[in-house]
N, C-alpha and C. Protein backbone atom coordinates (compact mmCIF):
# COMPACT_ATOMS: atom_id res chain seq x y z
N UNK A 1 -31.60 -14.53 -22.68
CA UNK A 1 -31.30 -14.23 -24.07
C UNK A 1 -30.64 -15.44 -24.73
N UNK A 2 -30.64 -15.45 -26.05
CA UNK A 2 -30.02 -16.54 -26.81
C UNK A 2 -28.53 -16.65 -26.51
N UNK A 3 -27.87 -15.50 -26.50
CA UNK A 3 -26.43 -15.50 -26.24
C UNK A 3 -26.14 -16.05 -24.86
N UNK A 4 -26.89 -15.60 -23.87
CA UNK A 4 -26.69 -16.06 -22.50
C UNK A 4 -26.83 -17.58 -22.44
N UNK A 5 -27.85 -18.11 -23.11
CA UNK A 5 -28.06 -19.55 -23.13
C UNK A 5 -26.90 -20.27 -23.82
N UNK A 6 -26.41 -19.69 -24.92
CA UNK A 6 -25.29 -20.31 -25.65
C UNK A 6 -23.99 -20.30 -24.85
N UNK A 7 -23.82 -19.31 -23.98
CA UNK A 7 -22.59 -19.19 -23.19
C UNK A 7 -22.63 -20.00 -21.90
N UNK A 8 -23.82 -20.38 -21.46
CA UNK A 8 -23.97 -21.07 -20.18
C UNK A 8 -23.10 -22.33 -20.14
N UNK A 9 -22.30 -22.43 -19.09
CA UNK A 9 -21.46 -23.60 -18.88
C UNK A 9 -20.17 -23.62 -19.69
N UNK A 10 -19.97 -22.65 -20.54
CA UNK A 10 -18.75 -22.62 -21.36
C UNK A 10 -17.66 -21.82 -20.62
N UNK A 11 -16.43 -22.33 -20.64
CA UNK A 11 -15.34 -21.66 -19.92
C UNK A 11 -14.74 -20.50 -20.73
N UNK A 12 -15.49 -19.42 -20.85
CA UNK A 12 -15.00 -18.27 -21.59
C UNK A 12 -14.85 -17.08 -20.66
N UNK A 13 -14.04 -16.13 -21.09
CA UNK A 13 -13.89 -14.88 -20.36
C UNK A 13 -14.38 -13.75 -21.25
N UNK A 14 -15.09 -12.81 -20.65
CA UNK A 14 -15.51 -11.60 -21.34
C UNK A 14 -14.62 -10.48 -20.80
N UNK A 15 -13.86 -9.86 -21.69
CA UNK A 15 -12.91 -8.84 -21.27
C UNK A 15 -13.16 -7.56 -22.05
N UNK A 16 -13.31 -6.46 -21.32
CA UNK A 16 -13.47 -5.14 -21.93
C UNK A 16 -12.22 -4.33 -21.64
N UNK A 17 -11.67 -3.70 -22.65
CA UNK A 17 -10.49 -2.88 -22.39
C UNK A 17 -10.90 -1.44 -22.10
N UNK A 18 -10.01 -0.74 -21.45
CA UNK A 18 -10.27 0.63 -21.03
C UNK A 18 -10.61 1.54 -22.21
N UNK A 19 -10.08 1.25 -23.39
CA UNK A 19 -10.37 2.07 -24.57
C UNK A 19 -11.85 1.95 -24.94
N UNK A 20 -12.37 0.74 -24.93
CA UNK A 20 -13.79 0.52 -25.26
C UNK A 20 -14.68 1.24 -24.25
N UNK A 21 -14.37 1.07 -22.98
CA UNK A 21 -15.17 1.72 -21.94
C UNK A 21 -15.10 3.24 -22.06
N UNK A 22 -13.93 3.76 -22.41
CA UNK A 22 -13.77 5.20 -22.60
C UNK A 22 -14.57 5.72 -23.78
N UNK A 23 -14.58 4.95 -24.88
CA UNK A 23 -15.35 5.36 -26.06
C UNK A 23 -16.85 5.34 -25.78
N UNK A 24 -17.30 4.31 -25.08
CA UNK A 24 -18.73 4.24 -24.73
C UNK A 24 -19.11 5.42 -23.84
N UNK A 25 -18.24 5.76 -22.91
CA UNK A 25 -18.50 6.91 -22.04
C UNK A 25 -18.56 8.19 -22.85
N UNK A 26 -17.60 8.37 -23.75
CA UNK A 26 -17.53 9.60 -24.54
C UNK A 26 -18.72 9.72 -25.50
N UNK A 27 -19.08 8.64 -26.18
CA UNK A 27 -20.12 8.68 -27.20
C UNK A 27 -21.52 8.60 -26.60
N UNK A 28 -21.71 7.71 -25.64
CA UNK A 28 -23.05 7.46 -25.08
C UNK A 28 -23.28 8.06 -23.70
N UNK A 29 -22.18 8.39 -23.01
CA UNK A 29 -22.32 8.98 -21.68
C UNK A 29 -22.50 7.97 -20.56
N UNK A 30 -22.29 6.68 -20.86
CA UNK A 30 -22.44 5.64 -19.83
C UNK A 30 -21.13 5.44 -19.09
N UNK A 31 -21.20 5.39 -17.77
CA UNK A 31 -20.02 5.15 -16.96
C UNK A 31 -19.58 3.70 -17.10
N UNK A 32 -18.26 3.44 -16.99
CA UNK A 32 -17.76 2.07 -17.14
C UNK A 32 -18.46 1.05 -16.25
N UNK A 33 -18.70 1.39 -14.98
CA UNK A 33 -19.36 0.44 -14.08
C UNK A 33 -20.76 0.07 -14.57
N UNK A 34 -21.47 1.03 -15.15
CA UNK A 34 -22.80 0.78 -15.69
C UNK A 34 -22.73 -0.18 -16.87
N UNK A 35 -21.78 0.05 -17.77
CA UNK A 35 -21.61 -0.80 -18.95
C UNK A 35 -21.25 -2.22 -18.53
N UNK A 36 -20.31 -2.34 -17.62
CA UNK A 36 -19.86 -3.66 -17.15
C UNK A 36 -21.02 -4.42 -16.50
N UNK A 37 -21.78 -3.75 -15.65
CA UNK A 37 -22.91 -4.40 -14.98
C UNK A 37 -23.96 -4.86 -15.98
N UNK A 38 -24.26 -4.03 -16.97
CA UNK A 38 -25.29 -4.38 -17.96
C UNK A 38 -24.85 -5.56 -18.83
N UNK A 39 -23.62 -5.54 -19.30
CA UNK A 39 -23.13 -6.65 -20.12
C UNK A 39 -23.08 -7.94 -19.31
N UNK A 40 -22.65 -7.84 -18.07
CA UNK A 40 -22.62 -9.01 -17.20
C UNK A 40 -24.03 -9.59 -17.01
N UNK A 41 -25.00 -8.71 -16.84
CA UNK A 41 -26.39 -9.14 -16.68
C UNK A 41 -26.90 -9.82 -17.96
N UNK A 42 -26.62 -9.22 -19.10
CA UNK A 42 -27.09 -9.76 -20.39
C UNK A 42 -26.46 -11.12 -20.68
N UNK A 43 -25.16 -11.25 -20.43
CA UNK A 43 -24.44 -12.46 -20.79
C UNK A 43 -24.40 -13.51 -19.69
N UNK A 44 -24.70 -13.09 -18.47
CA UNK A 44 -24.64 -14.03 -17.36
C UNK A 44 -23.22 -14.47 -17.03
N UNK A 45 -22.27 -13.61 -17.31
CA UNK A 45 -20.85 -13.89 -17.06
C UNK A 45 -20.21 -12.72 -16.35
N UNK A 46 -19.18 -13.03 -15.56
CA UNK A 46 -18.39 -11.97 -14.94
C UNK A 46 -17.58 -11.27 -16.03
N UNK A 47 -17.50 -9.97 -15.93
CA UNK A 47 -16.76 -9.17 -16.91
C UNK A 47 -15.43 -8.75 -16.29
N UNK A 48 -14.36 -8.97 -17.03
CA UNK A 48 -13.04 -8.51 -16.60
C UNK A 48 -12.67 -7.28 -17.42
N UNK A 49 -11.78 -6.48 -16.87
CA UNK A 49 -11.29 -5.32 -17.61
C UNK A 49 -9.79 -5.46 -17.83
N UNK A 50 -9.31 -4.82 -18.88
CA UNK A 50 -7.89 -4.85 -19.21
C UNK A 50 -7.45 -3.45 -19.60
N UNK A 51 -6.27 -3.08 -19.16
CA UNK A 51 -5.71 -1.77 -19.46
C UNK A 51 -4.69 -1.90 -20.59
N UNK A 52 -4.67 -0.91 -21.47
CA UNK A 52 -3.67 -0.86 -22.53
C UNK A 52 -2.37 -0.36 -21.91
N UNK A 53 -1.29 -1.14 -22.07
CA UNK A 53 -0.01 -0.71 -21.50
C UNK A 53 0.84 0.01 -22.56
N UNK A 54 2.01 0.47 -22.16
CA UNK A 54 2.85 1.28 -23.06
C UNK A 54 3.33 0.48 -24.27
N UNK A 55 3.62 -0.80 -24.08
CA UNK A 55 4.05 -1.64 -25.21
C UNK A 55 2.93 -1.79 -26.23
N UNK A 56 1.71 -1.98 -25.74
CA UNK A 56 0.55 -2.11 -26.64
C UNK A 56 0.25 -0.78 -27.33
N UNK A 57 0.46 0.33 -26.62
CA UNK A 57 0.27 1.65 -27.23
C UNK A 57 1.27 1.86 -28.36
N UNK A 58 2.52 1.43 -28.15
CA UNK A 58 3.55 1.54 -29.19
C UNK A 58 3.19 0.66 -30.39
N UNK A 59 2.75 -0.56 -30.12
CA UNK A 59 2.33 -1.46 -31.19
C UNK A 59 1.11 -0.89 -31.93
N UNK A 60 0.22 -0.24 -31.20
CA UNK A 60 -0.96 0.37 -31.80
C UNK A 60 -0.56 1.43 -32.83
N UNK A 61 0.47 2.20 -32.50
CA UNK A 61 0.94 3.22 -33.44
C UNK A 61 1.51 2.58 -34.70
N UNK A 62 2.21 1.47 -34.53
CA UNK A 62 2.73 0.74 -35.70
C UNK A 62 1.60 0.22 -36.57
N UNK A 63 0.53 -0.25 -35.95
CA UNK A 63 -0.64 -0.73 -36.70
C UNK A 63 -1.22 0.42 -37.52
N UNK A 64 -1.36 1.59 -36.90
CA UNK A 64 -1.90 2.76 -37.61
C UNK A 64 -0.99 3.18 -38.76
N UNK A 65 0.32 3.13 -38.54
CA UNK A 65 1.26 3.49 -39.60
C UNK A 65 1.14 2.54 -40.79
N UNK A 66 0.87 1.27 -40.49
CA UNK A 66 0.79 0.26 -41.54
C UNK A 66 -0.59 0.23 -42.21
N UNK A 67 -1.64 0.44 -41.41
CA UNK A 67 -3.02 0.35 -41.92
C UNK A 67 -3.77 1.61 -41.53
N UNK A 68 -3.91 2.55 -42.44
CA UNK A 68 -4.54 3.83 -42.13
C UNK A 68 -6.02 3.70 -41.75
N UNK A 69 -6.64 2.54 -41.99
CA UNK A 69 -8.06 2.39 -41.64
C UNK A 69 -8.27 2.34 -40.13
N UNK A 70 -7.20 2.16 -39.37
CA UNK A 70 -7.33 2.04 -37.91
C UNK A 70 -7.23 3.41 -37.26
N UNK A 71 -8.31 3.86 -36.63
CA UNK A 71 -8.23 5.11 -35.89
C UNK A 71 -7.66 4.83 -34.50
N UNK A 72 -7.46 5.87 -33.72
CA UNK A 72 -6.75 5.77 -32.44
C UNK A 72 -7.33 4.74 -31.48
N UNK A 73 -8.62 4.60 -31.37
CA UNK A 73 -9.18 3.60 -30.47
C UNK A 73 -9.05 2.19 -31.01
N UNK A 74 -9.34 2.03 -32.30
CA UNK A 74 -9.29 0.70 -32.92
C UNK A 74 -7.89 0.11 -32.87
N UNK A 75 -6.88 0.92 -33.13
CA UNK A 75 -5.52 0.40 -33.14
C UNK A 75 -5.12 -0.16 -31.77
N UNK A 76 -5.57 0.48 -30.71
CA UNK A 76 -5.25 0.00 -29.36
C UNK A 76 -6.00 -1.28 -29.04
N UNK A 77 -7.24 -1.36 -29.49
CA UNK A 77 -8.02 -2.59 -29.29
C UNK A 77 -7.34 -3.75 -30.03
N UNK A 78 -6.93 -3.52 -31.27
CA UNK A 78 -6.25 -4.55 -32.05
C UNK A 78 -4.93 -4.96 -31.39
N UNK A 79 -4.19 -3.99 -30.90
CA UNK A 79 -2.92 -4.28 -30.24
C UNK A 79 -3.12 -5.15 -29.01
N UNK A 80 -4.13 -4.84 -28.22
CA UNK A 80 -4.43 -5.64 -27.03
C UNK A 80 -4.82 -7.06 -27.43
N UNK A 81 -5.66 -7.18 -28.45
CA UNK A 81 -6.09 -8.51 -28.91
C UNK A 81 -4.90 -9.33 -29.40
N UNK A 82 -3.97 -8.69 -30.11
CA UNK A 82 -2.77 -9.38 -30.56
C UNK A 82 -1.93 -9.85 -29.38
N UNK A 83 -1.69 -8.96 -28.44
CA UNK A 83 -0.82 -9.26 -27.30
C UNK A 83 -1.38 -10.36 -26.41
N UNK A 84 -2.69 -10.38 -26.24
CA UNK A 84 -3.31 -11.33 -25.30
C UNK A 84 -3.97 -12.52 -26.01
N UNK A 85 -3.89 -12.55 -27.35
CA UNK A 85 -4.51 -13.60 -28.15
C UNK A 85 -6.02 -13.69 -27.89
N UNK A 86 -6.66 -12.51 -27.86
CA UNK A 86 -8.10 -12.43 -27.65
C UNK A 86 -8.84 -12.61 -28.97
N UNK A 87 -10.08 -13.04 -28.89
CA UNK A 87 -11.00 -13.03 -30.02
C UNK A 87 -11.90 -11.82 -29.84
N UNK A 88 -11.95 -10.97 -30.84
CA UNK A 88 -12.71 -9.73 -30.76
C UNK A 88 -14.14 -9.94 -31.26
N UNK A 89 -15.09 -9.45 -30.50
CA UNK A 89 -16.49 -9.45 -30.92
C UNK A 89 -16.89 -7.99 -31.07
N UNK A 90 -17.31 -7.60 -32.27
CA UNK A 90 -17.63 -6.19 -32.52
C UNK A 90 -18.71 -6.04 -33.58
N UNK A 91 -19.50 -4.98 -33.44
CA UNK A 91 -20.47 -4.61 -34.46
C UNK A 91 -19.81 -3.75 -35.55
N UNK A 92 -18.62 -3.25 -35.29
CA UNK A 92 -17.92 -2.31 -36.17
C UNK A 92 -17.30 -3.05 -37.36
N UNK A 93 -17.91 -2.88 -38.53
CA UNK A 93 -17.46 -3.62 -39.72
C UNK A 93 -16.06 -3.18 -40.18
N UNK A 94 -15.73 -1.91 -40.01
CA UNK A 94 -14.38 -1.45 -40.36
C UNK A 94 -13.34 -2.10 -39.44
N UNK A 95 -13.68 -2.23 -38.17
CA UNK A 95 -12.77 -2.89 -37.23
C UNK A 95 -12.62 -4.37 -37.58
N UNK A 96 -13.70 -5.01 -38.00
CA UNK A 96 -13.62 -6.40 -38.45
C UNK A 96 -12.67 -6.54 -39.64
N UNK A 97 -12.75 -5.60 -40.58
CA UNK A 97 -11.84 -5.62 -41.73
C UNK A 97 -10.40 -5.44 -41.27
N UNK A 98 -10.18 -4.52 -40.34
CA UNK A 98 -8.83 -4.28 -39.83
C UNK A 98 -8.29 -5.53 -39.15
N UNK A 99 -9.15 -6.27 -38.46
CA UNK A 99 -8.73 -7.51 -37.80
C UNK A 99 -8.14 -8.49 -38.81
N UNK A 100 -8.77 -8.58 -39.97
CA UNK A 100 -8.26 -9.51 -40.99
C UNK A 100 -6.88 -9.07 -41.49
N UNK A 101 -6.63 -7.76 -41.55
CA UNK A 101 -5.33 -7.26 -41.99
C UNK A 101 -4.22 -7.61 -41.00
N UNK A 102 -4.52 -7.51 -39.70
CA UNK A 102 -3.47 -7.69 -38.68
C UNK A 102 -3.47 -9.08 -38.06
N UNK A 103 -4.38 -9.95 -38.50
CA UNK A 103 -4.38 -11.33 -38.02
C UNK A 103 -5.03 -11.54 -36.66
N UNK A 104 -6.00 -10.72 -36.32
CA UNK A 104 -6.74 -10.89 -35.07
C UNK A 104 -8.04 -11.64 -35.37
N UNK A 105 -8.31 -12.70 -34.64
CA UNK A 105 -9.56 -13.44 -34.80
C UNK A 105 -10.71 -12.56 -34.31
N UNK A 106 -11.76 -12.45 -35.12
CA UNK A 106 -12.88 -11.58 -34.77
C UNK A 106 -14.14 -12.03 -35.46
N UNK A 107 -15.27 -11.63 -34.88
CA UNK A 107 -16.55 -11.87 -35.55
C UNK A 107 -17.59 -10.87 -35.10
N UNK A 108 -18.62 -10.74 -35.91
CA UNK A 108 -19.77 -9.87 -35.66
C UNK A 108 -20.76 -10.67 -34.80
N UNK A 109 -21.41 -10.05 -33.80
CA UNK A 109 -22.36 -10.78 -32.94
C UNK A 109 -23.47 -11.48 -33.72
N UNK A 110 -23.82 -11.00 -34.89
CA UNK A 110 -24.87 -11.65 -35.69
C UNK A 110 -24.46 -13.07 -36.09
N UNK A 111 -23.16 -13.32 -36.08
CA UNK A 111 -22.68 -14.67 -36.39
C UNK A 111 -23.09 -15.67 -35.32
N UNK A 112 -23.50 -15.17 -34.15
CA UNK A 112 -24.01 -16.03 -33.08
C UNK A 112 -25.51 -16.25 -33.23
N UNK A 113 -26.03 -15.84 -34.37
CA UNK A 113 -27.46 -15.90 -34.69
C UNK A 113 -28.28 -14.98 -33.81
N UNK A 114 -27.78 -13.77 -33.70
CA UNK A 114 -28.60 -12.71 -33.12
C UNK A 114 -28.39 -12.40 -31.67
N UNK A 115 -28.42 -11.13 -31.42
CA UNK A 115 -28.42 -10.62 -30.04
C UNK A 115 -29.81 -10.11 -29.80
């Protein structure tokens, strides 16, 4: 794939948080191991996972209190990105807008010229 070719040889990490894997399981019915294996295959990179801790959960609630556009999953994703200085890649345009409010670097995959 184009993305796989663009990532080849670049020292990047692909990290999925437990909230994302839980939402995919709930909405699509895919188990976390299946999602991780598929993304790893598509991108040609090892996938790491990250758990939301209690401090990030507390920060997530503050984000929701400040910006009502953030629902329960999005606020935790934003909190994790803030805490770990991650760059978020998402198809969710509302989440992209929320990123700009809270100062999280983010982009839509189409900005990579297509998946």
